[in-house]
Amino acid sequence: MIDAALLFFINVLWAAAYPMAKFAISGGVPSVTLAWARWAIAMLLLPLFARAVLRVSLRLPRSDLFRALGLGALALGLVHILVFVGLKYTTAVDATLLLAAEPLVMAVMSVLLLREGMSRRAVWGMVLGFAGAYLLINRGLIPPLNDRGTLIGNLLVALSVLVEGTGTVLSRGLTRRYSGIVVLFWESVGATLALAIPAYLFWAASPAVPSSAALGAVFYLGMVNSAFCYAVWFVLMERHHVGNMGVFIFVQPVFGALMGVLWLKEPFGVYTAIGSAMVLSGVWLTTRPTVEERAQRCATDTLARR
């Protein structure tokens, strides 16, 4: 239950990432520079946590070190470029719906690449969660046909979902053998290195001087969303199937919609209520222990009392 609560909590925090990123970009921080800064901040903070709290070494064998660096460059670095460029050529509705498909990609890839099976209940929870996210994003059964994104924009966002979902699953292969914090640290190094030159070019080409509030948003994204939330996610990947963890990502559209209602005074319609209920039901269905798990837990408790 504690792990499920942590997954729920970090996805609530992640729900604020896009509004905070938009705030930083509108305040004068170039998009790719923002992506670089997030991971540069995380790269500096994660070793402190690894050594001071977990007391684990940051060393990895050379082959796995290069693998982690490559995964970071692609799944944490390239992904941001694909998303930011894709958003210029598509609509917010299309992009959000495509990004909501990431748990499905993670579930499929975890089966194909890691041979991690999913229970029938987890599959239905995933389907229910995606259907709820669809209703939340479109606010109805039929999307607004007069506001469709271009093909190239949708393809770029879809490619980012495929890369990030696959990268997350491959990272699970590393967290089976090493501390998730160590794996995340080296992936953040890979992302920081991969984004360094593009970030500088975007920064040099920008005439705007970032506001202090925009810089505050950058530090929030780096410390909270990139360092803390990803650290929790990677630590939990050490002991949980990534396909089952992915269903919690559907929580993000729920709280994104609630933030719109509370902060932007957007209407709380019937589809918002139904979609939110479906997402939360999907999360509950996926995390509810099976009969076998309850029996095993009961047997373990019985042996512990003897």
Protein backbone atom coordinates (compact mmCIF):
# COMPACT_ATOMS: atom_id res chain seq x y z
CA MET A 1 0.00 0.00 0.00
CA ILE A 2 2.88 2.38 0.74
CA ASP A 3 4.36 1.81 -2.71
CA ALA A 4 0.97 2.43 -4.34
CA ALA A 5 0.57 5.64 -2.33
CA LEU A 6 4.02 6.80 -3.43
CA LEU A 7 3.23 6.08 -7.09
CA PHE A 8 -0.03 7.98 -6.76
CA PHE A 9 1.70 10.92 -5.07
CA ILE A 10 4.52 11.35 -7.60
CA ASN A 11 2.05 11.24 -10.49
CA VAL A 12 0.06 14.01 -8.81
CA LEU A 13 3.30 16.03 -8.73
CA TRP A 14 4.04 15.10 -12.35
CA ALA A 15 0.60 16.42 -13.33
CA ALA A 16 1.89 19.92 -12.54
CA ALA A 17 4.96 19.49 -14.76
CA TYR A 18 3.40 20.74 -18.00
CA PRO A 19 1.79 23.86 -16.45
CA MET A 20 5.10 24.64 -14.73
CA ALA A 21 7.04 24.06 -17.96
CA LYS A 22 4.68 26.36 -19.87
CA PHE A 23 5.15 28.97 -17.15
CA ALA A 24 8.94 28.73 -17.40
CA ILE A 25 8.93 28.87 -21.22
CA SER A 26 6.57 31.86 -21.29
CA GLY A 27 8.88 33.52 -18.76
CA GLY A 28 11.84 33.42 -21.14
CA VAL A 29 13.43 29.97 -20.72
CA PRO A 30 13.89 28.19 -24.09
CA SER A 31 12.21 24.77 -24.18
CA VAL A 32 15.29 22.61 -24.80
CA THR A 33 17.31 24.66 -22.32
CA LEU A 34 14.59 23.93 -19.76
CA ALA A 35 14.88 20.19 -20.45
CA TRP A 36 18.67 20.36 -20.01
CA ALA A 37 18.41 22.37 -16.78
CA ARG A 38 15.97 19.88 -15.27
CA TRP A 39 18.36 16.98 -15.68
CA ALA A 40 21.45 18.99 -14.80
CA ILE A 41 19.83 19.84 -11.44
CA ALA A 42 18.84 16.19 -10.91
CA MET A 43 22.36 15.07 -11.85
CA LEU A 44 23.78 17.24 -9.05
CA LEU A 45 21.23 16.20 -6.40
CA LEU A 46 21.04 12.43 -6.95
CA PRO A 47 24.63 11.61 -5.79
CA LEU A 48 23.94 13.39 -2.49
CA PHE A 49 20.86 11.24 -1.93
CA ALA A 50 22.62 8.05 -3.04
CA ARG A 51 25.56 8.52 -0.68
CA ALA A 52 24.02 10.33 2.29
CA VAL A 53 20.70 8.46 2.53
CA LEU A 54 21.04 5.10 0.76
CA ARG A 55 24.82 4.81 1.18
CA VAL A 56 25.25 3.10 -2.18
CA SER A 57 28.15 3.42 -4.60
CA LEU A 58 27.57 5.16 -7.93
CA ARG A 59 29.78 2.72 -9.80
CA LEU A 60 28.45 0.53 -12.60
CA PRO A 61 30.27 -2.01 -14.79
CA ARG A 62 31.41 -0.39 -18.01
CA SER A 63 28.89 -2.17 -20.24
CA ASP A 64 25.94 -1.23 -18.04
CA LEU A 65 27.33 2.28 -17.54
CA PHE A 66 27.24 2.95 -21.28
CA ARG A 67 23.81 1.38 -21.46
CA ALA A 68 22.51 3.74 -18.76
CA LEU A 69 24.11 6.75 -20.46
CA GLY A 70 22.52 5.77 -23.77
CA LEU A 71 19.10 5.24 -22.20
CA GLY A 72 19.33 8.64 -20.55
CA ALA A 73 20.35 10.36 -23.78
CA LEU A 74 17.40 8.83 -25.63
CA ALA A 75 14.60 8.27 -23.10
CA LEU A 76 15.23 11.40 -21.02
CA GLY A 77 17.00 13.70 -23.49
CA LEU A 78 15.79 13.07 -27.04
CA VAL A 79 12.23 12.64 -25.77
CA HIS A 80 12.00 16.28 -24.71
CA ILE A 81 13.15 17.52 -28.11
CA LEU A 82 10.58 15.31 -29.86
CA VAL A 83 7.79 16.53 -27.56
CA PHE A 84 8.65 20.23 -27.74
CA VAL A 85 9.04 20.21 -31.53
CA GLY A 86 5.93 18.05 -31.95
CA LEU A 87 3.86 20.43 -29.82
CA LYS A 88 4.54 23.20 -32.33
CA TYR A 89 2.79 21.22 -35.08
CA THR A 90 -0.09 19.58 -33.24
CA THR A 91 -2.85 20.52 -30.83
CA ALA A 92 -2.80 20.23 -27.06
CA VAL A 93 -5.66 17.69 -27.17
CA ASP A 94 -3.85 15.43 -29.64
CA ALA A 95 -0.56 15.66 -27.76
CA THR A 96 -2.12 14.94 -24.36
CA LEU A 97 -4.03 11.94 -25.72
CA LEU A 98 -0.90 10.52 -27.35
CA LEU A 99 1.14 11.04 -24.18
CA ALA A 100 -1.58 9.26 -22.18
CA ALA A 101 -0.85 6.13 -24.23
CA GLU A 102 2.57 5.69 -22.59
CA PRO A 103 1.33 3.18 -19.96
CA LEU A 104 0.06 0.97 -22.80
CA VAL A 105 3.48 1.14 -24.48
CA MET A 106 5.16 0.26 -21.19
CA ALA A 107 2.83 -2.68 -20.62
CA VAL A 108 3.41 -4.12 -24.11
CA MET A 109 7.18 -3.56 -24.02
CA SER A 110 7.52 -5.10 -20.56
CA VAL A 111 5.95 -8.28 -21.92
CA LEU A 112 8.02 -8.29 -25.13
CA LEU A 113 11.41 -7.24 -23.71
CA LEU A 114 11.36 -8.40 -20.07
CA ARG A 115 8.82 -11.23 -20.25
CA GLU A 116 6.95 -9.63 -17.35
CA GLY A 117 3.39 -10.85 -17.55
CA MET A 118 0.30 -8.94 -16.44
CA SER A 119 -2.70 -10.42 -14.70
CA ARG A 120 -6.09 -10.23 -16.38
CA ARG A 121 -7.19 -7.79 -13.69
CA ALA A 122 -4.21 -5.51 -14.44
CA VAL A 123 -5.00 -5.58 -18.16
CA TRP A 124 -8.60 -4.54 -17.52
CA GLY A 125 -7.36 -1.84 -15.15
CA MET A 126 -5.10 -0.53 -17.90
CA VAL A 127 -7.97 -0.48 -20.42
CA LEU A 128 -10.27 1.24 -17.94
CA GLY A 129 -7.60 3.82 -17.12
CA PHE A 130 -6.94 4.67 -20.77
CA ALA A 131 -10.66 4.98 -21.51
CA GLY A 132 -11.03 7.33 -18.56
CA ALA A 133 -8.05 9.40 -19.71
CA TYR A 134 -9.61 9.61 -23.19
CA LEU A 135 -12.84 11.03 -21.75
CA LEU A 136 -10.92 13.48 -19.57
CA ILE A 137 -8.80 14.80 -22.42
CA ASN A 138 -11.55 15.05 -25.06
CA ARG A 139 -14.33 15.90 -22.58
CA GLY A 140 -16.63 13.64 -24.55
CA LEU A 141 -16.85 10.53 -26.68
CA ILE A 142 -15.88 12.30 -29.91
CA PRO A 143 -12.76 14.53 -30.09
CA PRO A 144 -13.10 18.09 -31.48
CA LEU A 145 -12.74 17.43 -35.21
CA ASN A 146 -12.16 21.09 -36.04
CA ASP A 147 -8.97 21.22 -33.96
CA ARG A 148 -6.77 18.43 -35.24
CA GLY A 149 -2.98 18.47 -35.22
CA THR A 150 -0.83 17.91 -38.25
CA LEU A 151 0.47 14.46 -39.12
CA ILE A 152 4.14 15.34 -38.54
CA GLY A 153 3.40 16.79 -35.10
CA ASN A 154 1.40 13.75 -34.04
CA LEU A 155 4.10 11.41 -35.33
CA LEU A 156 6.81 13.23 -33.35
CA VAL A 157 4.79 13.09 -30.12
CA ALA A 158 3.91 9.42 -30.76
CA LEU A 159 7.60 8.66 -31.35
CA SER A 160 8.47 10.34 -28.04
CA VAL A 161 5.95 8.10 -26.27
CA LEU A 162 7.45 5.00 -27.89
CA VAL A 163 11.02 6.03 -26.99
CA GLU A 164 10.23 6.98 -23.39
CA GLY A 165 8.03 3.94 -22.74
CA THR A 166 10.62 1.56 -24.19
CA GLY A 167 13.44 3.33 -22.33
CA THR A 168 11.58 2.98 -19.04
CA VAL A 169 11.16 -0.75 -19.60
CA LEU A 170 14.85 -1.18 -20.48
CA SER A 171 15.77 0.78 -17.35
CA ARG A 172 13.81 -1.80 -15.36
CA GLY A 173 16.31 -4.36 -16.65
CA LEU A 174 19.08 -2.38 -14.94
CA THR A 175 17.17 -1.75 -11.70
CA ARG A 176 16.82 -5.51 -11.28
CA ARG A 177 20.59 -5.61 -10.62
CA TYR A 178 21.50 -2.16 -9.31
CA SER A 179 20.04 0.56 -7.12
CA GLY A 180 17.42 2.57 -8.99
CA ILE A 181 19.03 5.81 -7.77
CA VAL A 182 22.36 4.81 -9.31
CA VAL A 183 20.73 3.92 -12.62
CA LEU A 184 18.79 7.19 -12.64
CA PHE A 185 21.94 9.19 -11.86
CA TRP A 186 23.82 7.84 -14.87
CA GLU A 187 20.76 8.27 -17.07
CA SER A 188 20.54 11.90 -15.93
CA VAL A 189 24.21 12.30 -16.89
CA GLY A 190 23.42 10.91 -20.34
CA ALA A 191 20.46 13.27 -20.73
CA THR A 192 22.48 16.29 -19.58
CA LEU A 193 25.31 15.54 -22.01
CA ALA A 194 22.95 14.84 -24.92
CA LEU A 195 21.02 18.08 -24.39
CA ALA A 196 24.00 20.34 -23.66
CA ILE A 197 24.72 21.59 -27.20
CA PRO A 198 21.04 21.95 -28.28
CA ALA A 199 20.31 23.73 -24.97
CA TYR A 200 23.14 26.21 -25.55
CA LEU A 201 22.02 26.90 -29.12
CA PHE A 202 18.45 27.55 -28.00
CA TRP A 203 19.68 29.77 -25.15
CA ALA A 204 21.99 31.78 -27.43
CA ALA A 205 19.21 32.31 -29.98
CA SER A 206 16.72 33.54 -27.39
CA PRO A 207 16.59 37.32 -26.91
CA ALA A 208 14.51 37.09 -23.73
CA VAL A 209 15.96 37.29 -20.23
CA PRO A 210 14.23 34.75 -17.95
CA SER A 211 12.23 36.18 -15.09
CA SER A 212 12.96 35.18 -11.50
CA ALA A 213 9.60 33.37 -11.37
CA ALA A 214 10.51 31.38 -14.50
CA LEU A 215 13.84 30.38 -12.95
CA GLY A 216 11.94 29.29 -9.84
CA ALA A 217 9.80 27.04 -12.04
CA VAL A 218 12.99 25.57 -13.53
CA PHE A 219 14.33 24.71 -10.07
CA TYR A 220 10.97 23.22 -9.08
CA LEU A 221 10.97 20.98 -12.16
CA GLY A 222 14.56 19.93 -11.56
CA MET A 223 14.31 19.24 -7.83
CA VAL A 224 10.76 17.91 -7.54
CA ASN A 225 9.76 16.41 -10.91
CA SER A 226 13.14 15.19 -12.19
CA ALA A 227 15.10 14.40 -9.01
CA PHE A 228 12.48 13.41 -6.42
CA CYS A 229 9.69 11.91 -8.55
CA TYR A 230 11.98 9.98 -10.88
CA ALA A 231 14.04 8.79 -7.90
CA VAL A 232 10.94 7.30 -6.29
CA TRP A 233 9.89 5.75 -9.63
CA PHE A 234 13.30 4.14 -10.23
CA VAL A 235 13.55 2.80 -6.67
CA LEU A 236 10.10 1.21 -6.99
CA MET A 237 11.13 -0.33 -10.31
CA GLU A 238 13.58 -2.45 -8.34
CA ARG A 239 10.70 -4.57 -7.00
CA HIS A 240 7.62 -3.99 -9.19
CA HIS A 241 6.67 -4.83 -12.77
CA VAL A 242 6.89 -1.67 -14.81
CA GLY A 243 3.68 -2.55 -16.68
CA ASN A 244 1.69 -2.50 -13.43
CA MET A 245 3.37 0.74 -12.35
CA GLY A 246 2.44 2.42 -15.62
CA VAL A 247 -1.28 2.51 -14.85
CA PHE A 248 -0.59 5.22 -12.25
CA ILE A 249 0.41 7.58 -15.07
CA PHE A 250 -3.30 7.83 -15.88
CA VAL A 251 -3.63 9.77 -12.61
CA GLN A 252 -1.95 12.74 -14.29
CA PRO A 253 -4.88 13.73 -16.58
CA VAL A 254 -7.22 13.48 -13.57
CA PHE A 255 -5.28 16.01 -11.53
CA GLY A 256 -4.49 18.05 -14.63
CA ALA A 257 -8.25 18.46 -15.08
CA LEU A 258 -8.75 19.26 -11.39
CA MET A 259 -6.01 21.90 -11.57
CA GLY A 260 -7.84 23.44 -14.51
CA VAL A 261 -11.06 23.53 -12.48
CA LEU A 262 -9.45 25.03 -9.36
CA TRP A 263 -6.90 27.41 -10.89
CA LEU A 264 -8.26 28.27 -14.33
CA LYS A 265 -11.97 28.09 -13.37
CA GLU A 266 -12.64 25.56 -16.12
CA PRO A 267 -16.02 23.76 -15.94
CA PHE A 268 -16.23 20.43 -14.12
CA GLY A 269 -18.40 18.53 -16.58
CA VAL A 270 -19.96 15.09 -16.50
CA TYR A 271 -17.19 13.60 -18.66
CA THR A 272 -14.57 14.98 -16.27
CA ALA A 273 -16.33 13.21 -13.39
CA ILE A 274 -16.84 9.93 -15.30
CA GLY A 275 -13.30 9.94 -16.70
CA SER A 276 -11.77 10.59 -13.29
CA ALA A 277 -13.82 7.79 -11.73
CA MET A 278 -12.75 5.37 -14.49
CA VAL A 279 -9.06 6.23 -14.06
CA LEU A 280 -9.15 5.82 -10.28
CA SER A 281 -11.09 2.54 -10.67
CA GLY A 282 -8.45 1.31 -13.12
CA VAL A 283 -5.68 2.13 -10.65
CA TRP A 284 -7.57 0.34 -7.85
CA LEU A 285 -8.20 -2.69 -10.05
CA THR A 286 -4.53 -2.96 -11.02
CA THR A 287 -3.16 -2.59 -7.50
CA ARG A 288 -5.72 -4.80 -5.74
CA PRO A 289 -3.96 -8.00 -4.61
CA THR A 290 -5.03 -11.25 -6.23
CA VAL A 291 -6.36 -14.24 -4.29
CA GLU A 292 -2.95 -15.93 -4.58
CA GLU A 293 -1.16 -12.82 -3.29
CA ARG A 294 -3.53 -12.53 -0.32
CA ALA A 295 -3.07 -16.22 0.48
CA GLN A 296 0.71 -15.89 0.26
CA ARG A 297 0.68 -12.80 2.48
CA CYS A 298 -1.53 -14.61 5.02
CA ALA A 299 0.82 -17.59 5.05
CA THR A 300 3.82 -15.31 5.52
CA ASP A 301 2.14 -13.53 8.45
CA THR A 302 1.25 -16.88 10.02
CA LEU A 303 4.85 -18.10 9.78
CA ALA A 304 6.11 -14.81 11.19
CA ARG A 305 3.93 -15.19 14.30
CA ARG A 306 5.20 -18.69 15.06
